[in-house]
Protein backbone atom coordinates (compact mmCIF):
# COMPACT_ATOMS: atom_id res chain seq x y z
CA MET A 1 106.42 223.55 116.51
CA ILE A 2 106.54 221.66 119.80
CA THR A 3 103.59 222.27 122.14
CA GLY A 4 102.77 221.54 125.75
CA LYS A 5 100.67 218.62 124.55
CA ASP A 6 103.68 217.19 122.69
CA ILE A 7 105.72 217.32 125.89
CA ALA A 8 102.99 215.55 127.87
CA ILE A 9 102.62 212.79 125.27
CA ALA A 10 106.40 212.37 125.03
CA ALA A 11 106.63 212.12 128.83
CA LYS A 12 103.91 209.47 128.80
CA LYS A 13 105.63 207.33 126.16
CA ASP A 14 109.11 207.63 127.61
CA LEU A 15 107.94 207.04 131.18
CA GLU A 16 106.04 203.92 130.12
CA SER A 17 109.23 202.61 128.49
CA PHE A 18 110.90 202.70 131.93
CA PHE A 19 108.55 199.93 133.11
CA GLU A 20 108.63 196.19 132.44
CA ASP A 21 106.22 195.12 129.69
CA GLU A 22 104.40 192.72 132.00
CA ALA A 23 103.65 195.57 134.43
CA ASN A 24 101.22 197.05 131.88
CA PHE A 25 101.89 200.48 133.35
CA THR A 26 100.03 203.36 131.73
CA LEU A 27 100.28 207.07 132.41
CA ASN A 28 96.71 208.19 131.79
CA LEU A 29 96.37 211.70 130.37
CA GLU A 30 93.35 213.96 130.04
CA LEU A 31 94.36 216.57 127.50
CA ASP A 32 92.79 219.90 126.46
CA SER A 33 90.72 220.07 129.64
CA ASN A 34 88.52 223.06 130.44
CA SER A 35 89.86 223.00 134.00
CA VAL A 36 91.02 226.34 135.42
CA GLN A 37 94.08 224.49 136.76
CA HIS A 38 96.78 224.13 134.14
CA ALA A 39 97.89 220.77 135.55
CA SER A 40 96.53 218.42 138.19
CA VAL A 41 96.08 214.76 139.06
CA VAL A 42 92.47 213.65 139.41
CA GLY A 43 90.63 210.42 140.13
CA ILE A 44 91.73 207.26 141.90
CA GLY A 45 92.36 203.67 140.88
CA ASP A 46 91.69 203.00 137.19
CA LYS A 47 90.40 206.57 136.76
CA LEU A 48 93.62 208.17 138.00
CA ARG A 49 94.93 210.58 135.38
CA VAL A 50 97.03 213.67 134.79
CA ARG A 51 94.75 216.47 133.62
CA LEU A 52 96.21 219.26 131.51
CA SER A 53 94.33 222.36 130.45
CA ARG A 54 93.69 223.51 126.90
CA ASP A 55 95.97 226.50 127.48
CA PHE A 56 98.80 224.24 128.63
CA CYS A 57 98.37 221.84 125.73
CA SER A 58 98.31 224.58 123.09
CA ALA A 59 101.25 226.54 124.51
CA GLN A 60 104.18 226.70 122.10
CA VAL A 61 107.71 225.69 123.06
CA SER A 62 110.18 228.09 121.50
CA GLY A 63 113.39 226.88 123.15
CA ILE A 64 114.93 224.64 125.80
CA ASP A 65 113.95 226.98 128.64
CA ASP A 66 110.31 226.49 127.65
CA LEU A 67 110.86 222.75 127.24
CA HIS A 68 112.26 222.43 130.75
CA TYR A 69 109.54 224.64 132.24
CA PHE A 70 106.67 222.63 130.78
CA LEU A 71 108.38 219.34 131.61
CA PHE A 72 108.78 220.48 135.23
CA VAL A 73 105.02 221.00 135.39
CA VAL A 74 104.23 217.60 133.88
CA SER A 75 106.84 215.81 136.00
CA HIS A 76 105.44 217.30 139.22
CA GLU A 77 102.08 215.75 138.36
CA ILE A 78 103.76 212.46 137.41
CA ALA A 79 105.26 212.40 140.92
CA HIS A 80 101.74 212.64 142.37
CA TYR A 81 100.51 209.99 139.92
CA LEU A 82 103.25 207.44 140.65
CA HIS A 83 102.63 207.77 144.38
CA SER A 84 98.82 207.59 144.17
CA HIS A 85 98.61 210.68 146.36
CA ASN A 86 94.88 210.92 145.71
CA GLU A 87 94.48 207.75 147.79
CA HIS A 88 95.50 209.79 150.83
CA LYS A 89 93.15 212.17 152.62
CA ASP A 90 95.04 215.08 154.14
CA GLU A 91 94.58 215.43 157.87
CA SER A 92 95.91 218.98 157.87
CA ASP A 93 97.37 221.70 155.66
CA TYR A 94 100.76 220.36 156.74
CA ASP A 95 99.95 217.05 155.06
CA SER A 96 99.25 218.83 151.81
CA LYS A 97 102.40 220.91 152.15
CA SER A 98 104.50 217.78 152.75
CA VAL A 99 103.05 215.98 149.72
CA GLU A 100 103.58 219.01 147.49
CA ALA A 101 107.15 219.46 148.74
CA PHE A 102 107.83 215.83 147.90
CA ALA A 103 106.27 216.21 144.44
CA ASP A 104 108.59 219.17 143.77
CA PHE A 105 111.58 217.05 144.79
CA PHE A 106 110.59 213.76 143.15
CA GLY A 107 109.17 215.54 140.11
CA ALA A 108 112.60 217.07 139.48
CA ARG A 109 114.07 213.55 139.54
CA VAL A 110 111.41 212.38 137.09
CA MET A 111 112.24 215.29 134.82
CA MET A 112 115.97 214.57 134.90
CA THR A 113 115.32 210.89 134.18
CA LEU A 114 113.19 211.77 131.16
CA LEU A 115 115.73 214.28 129.86
CA THR A 116 118.62 211.85 130.28
CA TYR A 117 117.06 208.58 129.15
CA GLY A 118 113.87 209.52 127.30
CA GLN A 119 114.34 209.01 123.57
CA ARG A 120 111.68 211.57 122.68
CA PHE A 121 113.31 214.27 124.76
CA ILE A 122 116.64 213.59 123.12
CA GLU A 123 114.81 214.16 119.82
CA PHE A 124 113.28 217.39 121.16
CA TYR A 125 116.77 218.71 121.88
CA GLU A 126 117.71 217.94 118.28
CA GLU A 127 114.54 219.60 116.95
CA LEU A 128 115.30 222.72 118.99
CA GLU A 129 118.87 222.61 117.62
CA PHE A 130 120.28 222.44 121.12
CA ILE A 131 123.78 221.00 121.32
CA PHE A 132 123.94 219.12 124.61
CA HIS A 133 126.25 220.52 127.25
CA SER A 134 125.63 219.70 130.90
CA GLY A 135 126.35 223.25 132.04
CA ASP A 136 123.96 224.74 129.49
CA VAL A 137 121.27 222.23 130.50
CA LEU A 138 121.62 223.21 134.17
CA ASN A 139 121.57 226.91 133.32
CA SER A 140 118.34 226.37 131.38
CA ILE A 141 116.82 224.27 134.17
CA GLY A 142 117.65 227.13 136.53
CA CYS A 143 115.78 229.53 134.24
CA ALA A 144 112.81 227.15 134.23
CA ILE A 145 112.81 227.02 138.04
CA SER A 146 113.04 230.81 138.13
CA ARG A 147 109.96 230.99 135.89
CA LEU A 148 108.14 228.57 138.20
CA ALA A 149 109.02 230.80 141.15
CA GLU A 150 107.52 233.80 139.37
CA THR A 151 104.37 231.98 138.23
CA LEU A 152 103.01 228.74 139.68
CA PHE A 153 105.06 228.87 142.90
CA ASN A 154 104.08 232.48 143.60
CA THR A 155 101.13 231.77 145.88
CA ARG A 156 100.30 232.48 149.52
CA SER A 157 98.33 229.26 149.94
CA ASP A 158 99.00 227.38 153.18
CA LEU A 159 98.86 224.15 151.17
CA TYR A 160 102.31 224.85 149.70
CA SER A 161 105.71 225.91 150.95
CA ASN A 162 106.70 229.46 150.01
CA ARG A 163 108.21 229.88 146.57
CA ILE A 164 111.84 230.22 147.60
CA THR A 165 111.61 226.97 149.57
CA ARG A 166 109.98 225.22 146.60
CA VAL A 167 112.95 226.33 144.52
CA GLY A 168 115.08 224.48 147.08
CA HIS A 169 112.94 221.34 146.85
CA CYS A 170 113.26 221.25 143.05
CA SER A 171 117.00 221.89 143.20
CA ALA A 172 117.45 219.11 145.76
CA GLY A 173 115.72 216.77 143.32
CA ILE A 174 118.25 217.70 140.64
CA THR A 175 121.26 217.02 142.87
CA SER A 176 119.64 213.80 144.13
CA PHE A 177 119.32 212.56 140.56
CA LEU A 178 122.97 213.36 139.85
CA ASP A 179 124.10 211.56 143.04
CA LYS A 180 122.29 208.47 141.79
CA GLN A 181 123.43 208.92 138.20
CA PHE A 182 127.09 209.00 139.23
CA SER A 183 126.66 206.54 142.13
CA SER A 184 128.39 208.96 144.45
CA ILE A 185 127.81 211.85 146.80
CA ASN A 186 130.03 214.72 145.72
CA VAL A 187 129.40 217.89 147.71
CA GLN A 188 131.41 220.10 145.36
CA ARG A 189 129.40 218.84 142.39
CA SER A 190 126.16 219.58 144.22
CA MET A 191 127.36 223.06 145.15
CA ASP A 192 128.34 223.76 141.54
CA VAL A 193 124.90 222.61 140.37
CA LEU A 194 123.10 224.72 142.97
CA THR A 195 125.22 227.74 142.06
CA ARG A 196 124.17 227.43 138.42
CA ILE A 197 120.50 227.07 139.35
CA TYR A 198 120.36 229.79 142.01
CA THR A 199 122.05 232.35 139.74
CA ALA A 200 119.69 231.75 136.81
CA GLY A 201 116.92 234.08 135.69
CA ASN A 202 115.52 236.24 138.47
CA LEU A 203 116.44 233.83 141.26
CA PRO A 204 119.30 236.01 142.57
CA THR A 205 116.82 238.85 143.16
CA ILE A 206 114.25 236.53 144.73
CA PHE A 207 116.87 235.06 147.06
CA LYS A 208 118.08 238.53 148.01
CA LEU A 209 114.56 239.64 148.94
CA GLU A 210 113.23 236.40 150.44
CA ALA A 211 116.26 234.52 151.79
CA GLU A 212 114.92 234.64 155.36
CA GLN A 213 111.84 232.70 154.24
CA PHE A 214 113.93 229.78 152.93
CA ASN A 215 113.02 226.83 155.15
CA MET A 216 113.92 223.25 154.23
CA ASP A 217 111.82 221.75 157.04
CA PRO A 218 113.03 218.13 157.54
CA ASN A 219 109.70 217.22 159.13
CA LEU A 220 108.01 217.68 155.75
CA ILE A 221 110.06 214.77 154.42
CA LEU A 222 109.30 212.66 157.49
CA ARG A 223 105.57 213.28 157.10
CA SER A 224 105.61 212.49 153.37
CA ASP A 225 107.46 209.27 154.17
CA GLU A 226 104.71 208.28 156.62
CA ILE A 227 102.06 209.07 154.02
CA HIS A 228 103.82 206.98 151.39
CA LYS A 229 104.14 204.01 153.74
CA ASN A 230 100.40 204.20 154.43
CA ILE A 231 99.60 204.29 150.72
CA GLN A 232 102.03 201.44 150.01
CA GLY A 233 100.59 199.22 152.74
CA ILE A 234 101.92 195.66 152.53
CA ASP A 235 103.03 196.02 148.91
CA LEU A 236 106.70 196.25 147.96
CA GLY A 237 106.07 199.55 146.22
CA ILE A 238 103.29 201.98 145.40
CA THR A 239 103.67 201.72 141.62
CA LYS A 240 105.17 198.38 140.68
CA GLY A 241 107.03 197.21 137.61
CA VAL A 242 109.74 199.87 137.18
CA LYS A 243 112.77 198.38 135.45
CA PRO A 244 115.57 197.90 138.02
CA PHE A 245 117.83 200.46 136.40
CA PHE A 246 115.18 203.18 136.52
CA ALA A 247 113.96 202.21 139.99
CA ILE A 248 117.10 203.93 141.30
CA PHE A 249 115.67 207.23 140.07
CA ILE A 250 111.88 206.85 140.12
CA GLY A 251 111.16 203.82 142.32
CA THR A 252 108.30 204.17 144.80
CA SER A 253 109.24 201.71 147.55
CA TYR A 254 109.30 203.08 151.11
CA SER A 255 110.68 201.14 154.06
CA SER A 256 113.00 203.52 155.92
CA THR A 257 113.07 203.77 159.70
CA GLU A 258 114.32 206.53 161.97
CA ALA A 259 117.45 204.47 162.61
CA SER A 260 118.14 203.92 158.90
CA ARG A 261 117.57 207.62 158.14
CA ASN A 262 119.94 208.67 160.92
CA MET A 263 122.55 206.23 159.64
CA GLN A 264 122.20 207.53 156.09
CA MET A 265 122.60 211.12 157.28
CA SER A 266 125.63 210.15 159.34
CA ILE A 267 127.23 208.54 156.28
CA ARG A 268 126.52 211.67 154.23
CA ARG A 269 128.12 213.91 156.84
CA SER A 270 131.16 211.63 157.04
CA LEU A 271 131.59 211.66 153.26
CA ALA A 272 131.20 215.44 153.19
CA GLN A 273 133.82 215.89 155.90
CA LYS A 274 136.26 213.73 153.96
CA GLN A 275 135.67 216.04 151.00
CA GLY A 276 136.38 219.09 153.16
CA PHE A 277 132.80 220.17 153.89
CA ASP A 278 130.82 220.37 157.11
CA ILE A 279 127.10 219.67 156.68
CA PRO A 280 125.03 221.08 159.55
CA GLU A 281 122.44 218.89 161.22
CA LEU A 282 118.87 219.84 160.32
CA THR A 283 116.68 220.40 163.37
């Protein structure tokens, strides 16, 4: 039987394989913790680690929906870990909200990278007797996100976006990974992916009841970008040594400017228009 601990250890080993040997990168884990938080990143510097509770580690994985749910949780913490977020001291609740929004987004990319290229997760699929089909994977990921919305995301804390918006952040991470995987921006593909996710589990009901609360605030991304640049300092990246191929998905180098972001958005809109879609400008 696969457990939460197995997923964490597999994520550690596969993630470490995405780095050059000379980088000596290690994902430090503290397992079977007595912490009341199921998952968190604690410490700084050499003591930085992902802490997972005893309940999380002993939880049994009975199918791919469980696998994706637990991997989402671990990958969110990996996003914090790779960006050394503990090196930053929040100046406001908005800082915390921006960092958490980014971890939802980037964590989804980490998860997709592990599922696609992690040897141990390929083996987990085989152990669970899951025959890979991209549509079935996305349906299951949608169910995992729905479960997150009903559990960990269901909080009124000002340190996090509301749950329906966090669903959007995770989903954006999925489509971002696929854009990079296929080296193209395909709006129809992204819409198909989002349709699968947003119609999974109880998400249709949540969207029906809470749609007005959905708020993909672009300033959250801008603030997280500023925070990452401050953490990065004069280095080329926050966590160095990612193999070039995987840097496309999980690299932590930040050098964008307002001009470069505007140009990128303009290119995206132009591509979308050529594909018959009109992307509104976020304000």
